[in-house]
Amino acid sequence: MPFVKSAGARLYWKREGEADKPPLVLINSIGTDMDVWDAVLPALRRRFLLLRIDTRGHGASDATPGDYAMALLAGDVGAAMDAAGIARAIVAGVSLGGMIAMQMALDEPERVAGLALICTSATMDRSAWTTRVDTVRAGGVGAIADLAMARFLSAAFVEARPDIAATIRDGLLAMAPEGYAGCAAAIRDMTLAERLEAIAAPTLVVTGKRDTSTPFDGHGEHLVRRIAGARHVALDAAHLAPLEAPEALGAAIIDMFA
């Protein structure tokens, strides 16, 4: 298993595909790991060299103590890119992953060839995320599991694919509380909203028609309006679009970047 050290953490990454294809980095949401992309991989592998990363605090990556910052998480992705021999890439992220991708485009624009911002936002309710950080540190990830699952997946999808829903819940409950709380603090403290106009990379904004966490209204609309030239695609999905609409999401990324 390939790991890289970054700012005190050992991070798990996986590179797949042909080296002559355009590099595409895939970043997970808070509360999942790189496997959230599994259903989209068959389509993407044919067109891209893929790099998946378990965000700090998630999956096989270390969960360091304390609050994380979005710049720290962006630096982690850069370290994984270096380890994989990738200097510049399209960066696609779901939820927290999209926030990290935007931070990368602002901090190291020369490394970002394009952005796919999936079910994400540049600003969230600070008080709600403060409560979530405190709740997880006091009671573990199980204390917010029902809330997270209700937002992750639509009721129709859970009914149709209870096996996938159970897998996502199990992964969430297995997380180290410090990893979830650290990333939740990064969401609470992010300062992306006032900097969106500085993003110059070609950008695809993907929203879910059933997403109650980061819908187009109040979230995606701001990204589309403030990132120059951004394109928007709405999918029939809740928050975890790679699970609910993998074919449509893969097609949107390929249409935009391949």
C-alpha atoms as a PDB file:
ATOM      1  CA  MET A   1       0.000   0.000   0.000  1.00  0.00           C
ATOM      2  CA  PRO A   2       1.536   3.384  -0.965  1.00  0.00           C
ATOM      3  CA  PHE A   3       1.733   6.012   1.753  1.00  0.00           C
ATOM      4  CA  VAL A   4       3.263   9.473   1.934  1.00  0.00           C
ATOM      5  CA  LYS A   5       4.113  11.587   4.976  1.00  0.00           C
ATOM      6  CA  SER A   6       2.653  15.094   5.078  1.00  0.00           C
ATOM      7  CA  ALA A   7       2.667  17.510   8.027  1.00  0.00           C
ATOM      8  CA  GLY A   8       2.823  14.785  10.642  1.00  0.00           C
ATOM      9  CA  ALA A   9       0.402  12.348   9.014  1.00  0.00           C
ATOM     10  CA  ARG A  10       0.816   9.221   6.925  1.00  0.00           C
ATOM     11  CA  LEU A  11      -1.594   9.425   3.989  1.00  0.00           C
ATOM     12  CA  TYR A  12      -2.819   6.572   1.805  1.00  0.00           C
ATOM     13  CA  TRP A  13      -2.968   7.086  -1.961  1.00  0.00           C
ATOM     14  CA  LYS A  14      -3.572   4.916  -5.013  1.00  0.00           C
ATOM     15  CA  ARG A  15      -2.595   5.572  -8.623  1.00  0.00           C
ATOM     16  CA  GLU A  16      -4.389   3.752 -11.456  1.00  0.00           C
ATOM     17  CA  GLY A  17      -4.424   3.842 -15.232  1.00  0.00           C
ATOM     18  CA  GLU A  18      -2.102   4.701 -18.081  1.00  0.00           C
ATOM     19  CA  ALA A  19       0.657   7.250 -17.592  1.00  0.00           C
ATOM     20  CA  ASP A  20       0.022   8.952 -20.948  1.00  0.00           C
ATOM     21  CA  LYS A  21      -3.541   9.927 -19.982  1.00  0.00           C
ATOM     22  CA  PRO A  22      -4.418  13.285 -18.368  1.00  0.00           C
ATOM     23  CA  PRO A  23      -4.028  13.056 -14.561  1.00  0.00           C
ATOM     24  CA  LEU A  24      -7.236  13.291 -12.514  1.00  0.00           C
ATOM     25  CA  VAL A  25      -7.157  13.486  -8.705  1.00  0.00           C
ATOM     26  CA  LEU A  26     -10.227  12.205  -6.847  1.00  0.00           C
ATOM     27  CA  ILE A  27     -10.936  13.411  -3.280  1.00  0.00           C
ATOM     28  CA  ASN A  28     -13.564  11.953  -0.944  1.00  0.00           C
ATOM     29  CA  SER A  29     -16.224  13.684   1.136  1.00  0.00           C
ATOM     30  CA  ILE A  30     -16.117  13.994   4.893  1.00  0.00           C
ATOM     31  CA  GLY A  31     -17.188  10.694   6.438  1.00  0.00           C
ATOM     32  CA  THR A  32     -16.219   8.465   3.486  1.00  0.00           C
ATOM     33  CA  ASP A  33     -12.951   7.312   1.905  1.00  0.00           C
ATOM     34  CA  MET A  34     -11.553   6.851  -1.601  1.00  0.00           C
ATOM     35  CA  ASP A  35     -13.999   3.980  -2.203  1.00  0.00           C
ATOM     36  CA  VAL A  36     -16.800   6.528  -2.619  1.00  0.00           C
ATOM     37  CA  TRP A  37     -15.510   6.828  -6.206  1.00  0.00           C
ATOM     38  CA  ASP A  38     -15.607   3.097  -7.000  1.00  0.00           C
ATOM     39  CA  ALA A  39     -18.677   3.098  -9.241  1.00  0.00           C
ATOM     40  CA  VAL A  40     -17.287   5.959 -11.371  1.00  0.00           C
ATOM     41  CA  LEU A  41     -13.853   4.417 -11.899  1.00  0.00           C
ATOM     42  CA  PRO A  42     -14.588   2.160 -14.904  1.00  0.00           C
ATOM     43  CA  ALA A  43     -15.551   5.139 -17.063  1.00  0.00           C
ATOM     44  CA  LEU A  44     -12.785   7.407 -15.766  1.00  0.00           C
ATOM     45  CA  ARG A  45      -9.971   4.861 -16.103  1.00  0.00           C
ATOM     46  CA  ARG A  46     -10.426   4.775 -19.864  1.00  0.00           C
ATOM     47  CA  ARG A  47      -9.747   8.508 -20.167  1.00  0.00           C
ATOM     48  CA  PHE A  48      -7.535   9.523 -17.239  1.00  0.00           C
ATOM     49  CA  LEU A  49      -4.580   8.581 -15.074  1.00  0.00           C
ATOM     50  CA  LEU A  50      -6.290   8.443 -11.679  1.00  0.00           C
ATOM     51  CA  LEU A  51      -4.957   9.349  -8.250  1.00  0.00           C
ATOM     52  CA  ARG A  52      -7.231   8.652  -5.293  1.00  0.00           C
ATOM     53  CA  ILE A  53      -6.424   9.792  -1.764  1.00  0.00           C
ATOM     54  CA  ASP A  54      -7.865   9.016   1.658  1.00  0.00           C
ATOM     55  CA  THR A  55      -8.176  12.498   3.132  1.00  0.00           C
ATOM     56  CA  ARG A  56      -6.411  13.001   6.474  1.00  0.00           C
ATOM     57  CA  GLY A  57      -8.527  11.375   9.182  1.00  0.00           C
ATOM     58  CA  HIS A  58     -10.287   9.059   6.731  1.00  0.00           C
ATOM     59  CA  GLY A  59      -9.802   5.514   5.480  1.00  0.00           C
ATOM     60  CA  ALA A  60      -6.234   4.261   5.844  1.00  0.00           C
ATOM     61  CA  SER A  61      -4.777   7.744   6.398  1.00  0.00           C
ATOM     62  CA  ASP A  62      -3.767   8.929   9.858  1.00  0.00           C
ATOM     63  CA  ALA A  63      -6.164  10.901  12.041  1.00  0.00           C
ATOM     64  CA  THR A  64      -3.958  13.492  13.695  1.00  0.00           C
ATOM     65  CA  PRO A  65      -5.337  15.358  16.734  1.00  0.00           C
ATOM     66  CA  GLY A  66      -6.707  18.893  16.715  1.00  0.00           C
ATOM     67  CA  ASP A  67      -8.454  21.143  14.228  1.00  0.00           C
ATOM     68  CA  TYR A  68      -7.424  20.829  10.592  1.00  0.00           C
ATOM     69  CA  ALA A  69      -7.304  23.732   8.131  1.00  0.00           C
ATOM     70  CA  MET A  70      -8.318  23.604   4.487  1.00  0.00           C
ATOM     71  CA  ALA A  71      -4.789  24.663   3.511  1.00  0.00           C
ATOM     72  CA  LEU A  72      -3.386  21.689   5.462  1.00  0.00           C
ATOM     73  CA  LEU A  73      -5.688  19.277   3.608  1.00  0.00           C
ATOM     74  CA  ALA A  74      -4.771  20.857   0.271  1.00  0.00           C
ATOM     75  CA  GLY A  75      -1.105  20.417   1.133  1.00  0.00           C
ATOM     76  CA  ASP A  76      -1.774  16.743   1.811  1.00  0.00           C
ATOM     77  CA  VAL A  77      -3.110  16.307  -1.724  1.00  0.00           C
ATOM     78  CA  GLY A  78      -0.045  18.041  -3.117  1.00  0.00           C
ATOM     79  CA  ALA A  79       2.184  15.643  -1.193  1.00  0.00           C
ATOM     80  CA  ALA A  80       0.317  12.647  -2.618  1.00  0.00           C
ATOM     81  CA  MET A  81       0.639  14.094  -6.127  1.00  0.00           C
ATOM     82  CA  ASP A  82       4.383  14.447  -5.614  1.00  0.00           C
ATOM     83  CA  ALA A  83       4.634  10.864  -4.386  1.00  0.00           C
ATOM     84  CA  ALA A  84       2.706   9.666  -7.433  1.00  0.00           C
ATOM     85  CA  GLY A  85       4.885  11.679  -9.831  1.00  0.00           C
ATOM     86  CA  ILE A  86       2.079  14.023 -10.875  1.00  0.00           C
ATOM     87  CA  ALA A  87       2.997  17.699 -11.239  1.00  0.00           C
ATOM     88  CA  ARG A  88      -0.353  19.025 -12.494  1.00  0.00           C
ATOM     89  CA  ALA A  89      -3.823  17.512 -12.591  1.00  0.00           C
ATOM     90  CA  ILE A  90      -7.533  18.008 -12.874  1.00  0.00           C
ATOM     91  CA  VAL A  91      -8.869  17.819  -9.310  1.00  0.00           C
ATOM     92  CA  ALA A  92     -12.327  16.437  -8.562  1.00  0.00           C
ATOM     93  CA  GLY A  93     -13.780  16.460  -5.069  1.00  0.00           C
ATOM     94  CA  VAL A  94     -17.061  15.589  -3.394  1.00  0.00           C
ATOM     95  CA  SER A  95     -18.275  17.896  -0.605  1.00  0.00           C
ATOM     96  CA  LEU A  96     -15.175  18.410   1.588  1.00  0.00           C
ATOM     97  CA  GLY A  97     -13.159  17.134  -1.376  1.00  0.00           C
ATOM     98  CA  GLY A  98     -14.472  19.984  -3.518  1.00  0.00           C
ATOM     99  CA  MET A  99     -13.532  22.488  -0.844  1.00  0.00           C
ATOM    100  CA  ILE A 100     -10.009  21.068  -0.761  1.00  0.00           C
ATOM    101  CA  ALA A 101      -9.881  21.285  -4.560  1.00  0.00           C
ATOM    102  CA  MET A 102     -10.835  24.969  -4.472  1.00  0.00           C
ATOM    103  CA  GLN A 103      -8.180  25.628  -1.831  1.00  0.00           C
ATOM    104  CA  MET A 104      -5.598  23.960  -4.078  1.00  0.00           C
ATOM    105  CA  ALA A 105      -6.661  26.072  -7.058  1.00  0.00           C
ATOM    106  CA  LEU A 106      -6.132  29.196  -4.956  1.00  0.00           C
ATOM    107  CA  ASP A 107      -2.922  28.175  -3.165  1.00  0.00           C
ATOM    108  CA  GLU A 108      -1.129  26.388  -6.027  1.00  0.00           C
ATOM    109  CA  PRO A 109      -2.903  27.302  -9.277  1.00  0.00           C
ATOM    110  CA  GLU A 110      -0.017  25.993 -11.352  1.00  0.00           C
ATOM    111  CA  ARG A 111      -0.801  22.463 -10.146  1.00  0.00           C
ATOM    112  CA  VAL A 112      -4.529  22.531 -11.002  1.00  0.00           C
ATOM    113  CA  ALA A 113      -5.457  21.988 -14.647  1.00  0.00           C
ATOM    114  CA  GLY A 114      -9.185  21.919 -13.922  1.00  0.00           C
ATOM    115  CA  LEU A 115     -11.749  21.560 -11.147  1.00  0.00           C
ATOM    116  CA  ALA A 116     -14.765  19.278 -10.775  1.00  0.00           C
ATOM    117  CA  LEU A 117     -16.670  20.572  -7.750  1.00  0.00           C
ATOM    118  CA  ILE A 118     -19.265  17.965  -6.788  1.00  0.00           C
ATOM    119  CA  CYS A 119     -22.021  18.585  -4.245  1.00  0.00           C
ATOM    120  CA  THR A 120     -19.919  21.159  -2.460  1.00  0.00           C
ATOM    121  CA  SER A 121     -19.858  24.781  -1.344  1.00  0.00           C
ATOM    122  CA  ALA A 122     -17.545  27.657  -0.506  1.00  0.00           C
ATOM    123  CA  THR A 123     -19.416  28.519   2.670  1.00  0.00           C
ATOM    124  CA  MET A 124     -21.352  26.531   5.278  1.00  0.00           C
ATOM    125  CA  ASP A 125     -23.270  27.348   8.465  1.00  0.00           C
ATOM    126  CA  ARG A 126     -20.483  27.968  10.977  1.00  0.00           C
ATOM    127  CA  SER A 127     -22.658  27.374  14.032  1.00  0.00           C
ATOM    128  CA  ALA A 128     -23.912  24.039  12.697  1.00  0.00           C
ATOM    129  CA  TRP A 129     -20.369  22.823  12.042  1.00  0.00           C
ATOM    130  CA  THR A 130     -19.198  24.075  15.442  1.00  0.00           C
ATOM    131  CA  THR A 131     -21.929  21.941  16.995  1.00  0.00           C
ATOM    132  CA  ARG A 132     -20.893  18.963  14.865  1.00  0.00           C
ATOM    133  CA  VAL A 133     -17.234  19.253  15.916  1.00  0.00           C
ATOM    134  CA  ASP A 134     -18.214  19.435  19.588  1.00  0.00           C
ATOM    135  CA  THR A 135     -20.704  16.574  19.295  1.00  0.00           C
ATOM    136  CA  VAL A 136     -18.213  14.201  17.672  1.00  0.00           C
ATOM    137  CA  ARG A 137     -15.467  15.021  20.172  1.00  0.00           C
ATOM    138  CA  ALA A 138     -17.872  14.406  23.046  1.00  0.00           C
ATOM    139  CA  GLY A 139     -19.776  11.380  21.768  1.00  0.00           C
ATOM    140  CA  GLY A 140     -17.896   9.896  18.833  1.00  0.00           C
ATOM    141  CA  VAL A 141     -18.912   9.678  15.193  1.00  0.00           C
ATOM    142  CA  GLY A 142     -21.941   7.581  16.113  1.00  0.00           C
ATOM    143  CA  ALA A 143     -23.487  10.703  17.640  1.00  0.00           C
ATOM    144  CA  ILE A 144     -23.899  12.277  14.189  1.00  0.00           C
ATOM    145  CA  ALA A 145     -24.266   9.116  12.079  1.00  0.00           C
ATOM    146  CA  ASP A 146     -28.019   9.398  11.547  1.00  0.00           C
ATOM    147  CA  LEU A 147     -27.726  13.062  10.570  1.00  0.00           C
ATOM    148  CA  ALA A 148     -24.901  12.347   8.123  1.00  0.00           C
ATOM    149  CA  MET A 149     -26.600   9.339   6.531  1.00  0.00           C
ATOM    150  CA  ALA A 150     -29.838  11.270   6.016  1.00  0.00           C
ATOM    151  CA  ARG A 151     -27.882  13.821   3.972  1.00  0.00           C
ATOM    152  CA  PHE A 152     -25.514  11.435   2.213  1.00  0.00           C
ATOM    153  CA  LEU A 153     -28.120   9.354   0.366  1.00  0.00           C
ATOM    154  CA  SER A 154     -31.727   9.797  -0.726  1.00  0.00           C
ATOM    155  CA  ALA A 155     -34.422   7.606   0.817  1.00  0.00           C
ATOM    156  CA  ALA A 156     -35.144   6.097  -2.599  1.00  0.00           C
ATOM    157  CA  PHE A 157     -31.523   5.063  -3.064  1.00  0.00           C
ATOM    158  CA  VAL A 158     -31.284   3.570   0.430  1.00  0.00           C
ATOM    159  CA  GLU A 159     -34.406   1.519  -0.273  1.00  0.00           C
ATOM    160  CA  ALA A 160     -33.042   0.332  -3.627  1.00  0.00           C
ATOM    161  CA  ARG A 161     -29.458  -0.327  -2.444  1.00  0.00           C
ATOM    162  CA  PRO A 162     -29.465  -1.056   1.287  1.00  0.00           C
ATOM    163  CA  ASP A 163     -26.129  -2.865   0.859  1.00  0.00           C
ATOM    164  CA  ILE A 164     -24.378   0.327  -0.241  1.00  0.00           C
ATOM    165  CA  ALA A 165     -26.057   2.363   2.491  1.00  0.00           C
ATOM    166  CA  ALA A 166     -24.927  -0.165   5.119  1.00  0.00           C
ATOM    167  CA  THR A 167     -21.355  -0.059   3.804  1.00  0.00           C
ATOM    168  CA  ILE A 168     -21.268   3.739   3.990  1.00  0.00           C
ATOM    169  CA  ARG A 169     -22.663   3.710   7.540  1.00  0.00           C
ATOM    170  CA  ASP A 170     -20.143   1.082   8.654  1.00  0.00           C
ATOM    171  CA  GLY A 171     -17.289   3.126   7.235  1.00  0.00           C
ATOM    172  CA  LEU A 172     -18.555   6.259   8.952  1.00  0.00           C
ATOM    173  CA  LEU A 173     -18.871   4.527  12.318  1.00  0.00           C
ATOM    174  CA  ALA A 174     -15.358   3.084  11.978  1.00  0.00           C
ATOM    175  CA  MET A 175     -13.798   6.544  11.644  1.00  0.00           C
ATOM    176  CA  ALA A 176     -11.584   7.969  14.353  1.00  0.00           C
ATOM    177  CA  PRO A 177     -13.528  10.822  15.991  1.00  0.00           C
ATOM    178  CA  GLU A 178     -10.483  13.111  15.772  1.00  0.00           C
ATOM    179  CA  GLY A 179     -10.337  12.608  12.011  1.00  0.00           C
ATOM    180  CA  TYR A 180     -13.966  13.535  11.475  1.00  0.00           C
ATOM    181  CA  ALA A 181     -13.843  16.427  13.954  1.00  0.00           C
ATOM    182  CA  GLY A 182     -10.589  17.752  12.493  1.00  0.00           C
ATOM    183  CA  CYS A 183     -12.051  17.885   8.983  1.00  0.00           C
ATOM    184  CA  ALA A 184     -15.328  19.310  10.281  1.00  0.00           C
ATOM    185  CA  ALA A 185     -13.307  22.121  11.838  1.00  0.00           C
ATOM    186  CA  ALA A 186     -11.711  22.804   8.447  1.00  0.00           C
ATOM    187  CA  ILE A 187     -15.204  23.145   6.944  1.00  0.00           C
ATOM    188  CA  ARG A 188     -16.265  25.407   9.836  1.00  0.00           C
ATOM    189  CA  ASP A 189     -13.253  27.685   9.404  1.00  0.00           C
ATOM    190  CA  MET A 190     -12.844  27.781   5.613  1.00  0.00           C
ATOM    191  CA  THR A 191     -12.466  31.179   3.938  1.00  0.00           C
ATOM    192  CA  LEU A 192     -13.120  30.258   0.322  1.00  0.00           C
ATOM    193  CA  ALA A 193     -16.180  32.384  -0.357  1.00  0.00           C
ATOM    194  CA  GLU A 194     -14.378  35.703  -0.559  1.00  0.00           C
ATOM    195  CA  ARG A 195     -11.716  34.310  -2.921  1.00  0.00           C
ATOM    196  CA  LEU A 196     -13.762  32.483  -5.565  1.00  0.00           C
ATOM    197  CA  GLU A 197     -13.167  35.113  -8.245  1.00  0.00           C
ATOM    198  CA  ALA A 198      -9.449  34.296  -8.134  1.00  0.00           C
ATOM    199  CA  ILE A 199     -10.003  30.727  -9.355  1.00  0.00           C
ATOM    200  CA  ALA A 200      -8.787  30.584 -12.960  1.00  0.00           C
ATOM    201  CA  ALA A 201      -8.925  26.840 -13.684  1.00  0.00           C
ATOM    202  CA  PRO A 202     -11.665  25.498 -15.999  1.00  0.00           C
ATOM    203  CA  THR A 203     -14.406  24.485 -13.575  1.00  0.00           C
ATOM    204  CA  LEU A 204     -17.315  22.051 -13.620  1.00  0.00           C
ATOM    205  CA  VAL A 205     -19.893  22.491 -10.851  1.00  0.00           C
ATOM    206  CA  VAL A 206     -22.046  19.418 -10.215  1.00  0.00           C
ATOM    207  CA  THR A 207     -25.086  19.639  -7.959  1.00  0.00           C
ATOM    208  CA  GLY A 208     -27.568  16.999  -6.826  1.00  0.00           C
ATOM    209  CA  LYS A 209     -31.265  17.591  -7.343  1.00  0.00           C
ATOM    210  CA  ARG A 210     -31.935  15.731  -4.071  1.00  0.00           C
ATOM    211  CA  ASP A 211     -28.968  17.156  -2.147  1.00  0.00           C
ATOM    212  CA  THR A 212     -30.124  18.901   1.030  1.00  0.00           C
ATOM    213  CA  SER A 213     -26.600  19.739   2.251  1.00  0.00           C
ATOM    214  CA  THR A 214     -25.218  21.730  -0.692  1.00  0.00           C
ATOM    215  CA  PRO A 215     -28.028  22.232  -3.207  1.00  0.00           C
ATOM    216  CA  PHE A 216     -27.742  24.548  -6.185  1.00  0.00           C
ATOM    217  CA  ASP A 217     -29.798  27.200  -4.383  1.00  0.00           C
ATOM    218  CA  GLY A 218     -27.554  28.881  -1.851  1.00  0.00           C
ATOM    219  CA  HIS A 219     -24.454  26.834  -2.666  1.00  0.00           C
ATOM    220  CA  GLY A 220     -23.822  25.682  -6.234  1.00  0.00           C
ATOM    221  CA  GLU A 221     -25.267  28.897  -7.651  1.00  0.00           C
ATOM    222  CA  HIS A 222     -22.552  30.952  -5.951  1.00  0.00           C
ATOM    223  CA  LEU A 223     -19.805  28.786  -7.436  1.00  0.00           C
ATOM    224  CA  VAL A 224     -21.292  29.046 -10.919  1.00  0.00           C
ATOM    225  CA  ARG A 225     -21.751  32.791 -10.681  1.00  0.00           C
ATOM    226  CA  ARG A 226     -18.403  33.704  -9.157  1.00  0.00           C
ATOM    227  CA  ILE A 227     -15.948  31.304 -10.837  1.00  0.00           C
ATOM    228  CA  ALA A 228     -15.316  32.647 -14.319  1.00  0.00           C
ATOM    229  CA  GLY A 229     -16.563  30.348 -17.064  1.00  0.00           C
ATOM    230  CA  ALA A 230     -17.844  27.665 -14.699  1.00  0.00           C
ATOM    231  CA  ARG A 231     -20.197  25.089 -16.230  1.00  0.00           C
ATOM    232  CA  HIS A 232     -23.066  23.541 -14.242  1.00  0.00           C
ATOM    233  CA  VAL A 233     -24.573  20.058 -14.399  1.00  0.00           C
ATOM    234  CA  ALA A 234     -27.447  18.927 -12.156  1.00  0.00           C
ATOM    235  CA  LEU A 235     -27.729  15.207 -11.441  1.00  0.00           C
ATOM    236  CA  ASP A 236     -30.532  13.098  -9.991  1.00  0.00           C
ATOM    237  CA  ALA A 237     -28.718  12.419  -6.734  1.00  0.00           C
ATOM    238  CA  ALA A 238     -28.404  13.380  -3.096  1.00  0.00           C
ATOM    239  CA  HIS A 239     -25.087  14.444  -1.536  1.00  0.00           C
ATOM    240  CA  LEU A 240     -22.954  11.464  -2.549  1.00  0.00           C
ATOM    241  CA  ALA A 241     -23.412  11.760  -6.296  1.00  0.00           C
ATOM    242  CA  PRO A 242     -20.644   9.233  -7.118  1.00  0.00           C
ATOM    243  CA  LEU A 243     -22.830   6.593  -5.472  1.00  0.00           C
ATOM    244  CA  GLU A 244     -26.273   7.637  -6.712  1.00  0.00           C
ATOM    245  CA  ALA A 245     -25.405   8.819 -10.231  1.00  0.00           C
ATOM    246  CA  PRO A 246     -22.012   7.315 -11.168  1.00  0.00           C
ATOM    247  CA  GLU A 247     -22.637   7.020 -14.908  1.00  0.00           C
ATOM    248  CA  ALA A 248     -23.946  10.568 -15.251  1.00  0.00           C
ATOM    249  CA  LEU A 249     -21.140  11.971 -13.099  1.00  0.00           C
ATOM    250  CA  GLY A 250     -18.478  10.129 -15.057  1.00  0.00           C
ATOM    251  CA  ALA A 251     -19.976  11.347 -18.328  1.00  0.00           C
ATOM    252  CA  ALA A 252     -20.024  14.959 -17.084  1.00  0.00           C
ATOM    253  CA  ILE A 253     -16.349  14.833 -16.052  1.00  0.00           C
ATOM    254  CA  ILE A 254     -15.323  13.205 -19.331  1.00  0.00           C
ATOM    255  CA  ASP A 255     -17.347  15.693 -21.381  1.00  0.00           C
ATOM    256  CA  MET A 256     -15.734  18.620 -19.584  1.00  0.00           C
ATOM    257  CA  PHE A 257     -12.118  17.480 -19.392  1.00  0.00           C
ATOM    258  CA  ALA A 258     -11.358  14.563 -21.717  1.00  0.00           C
END
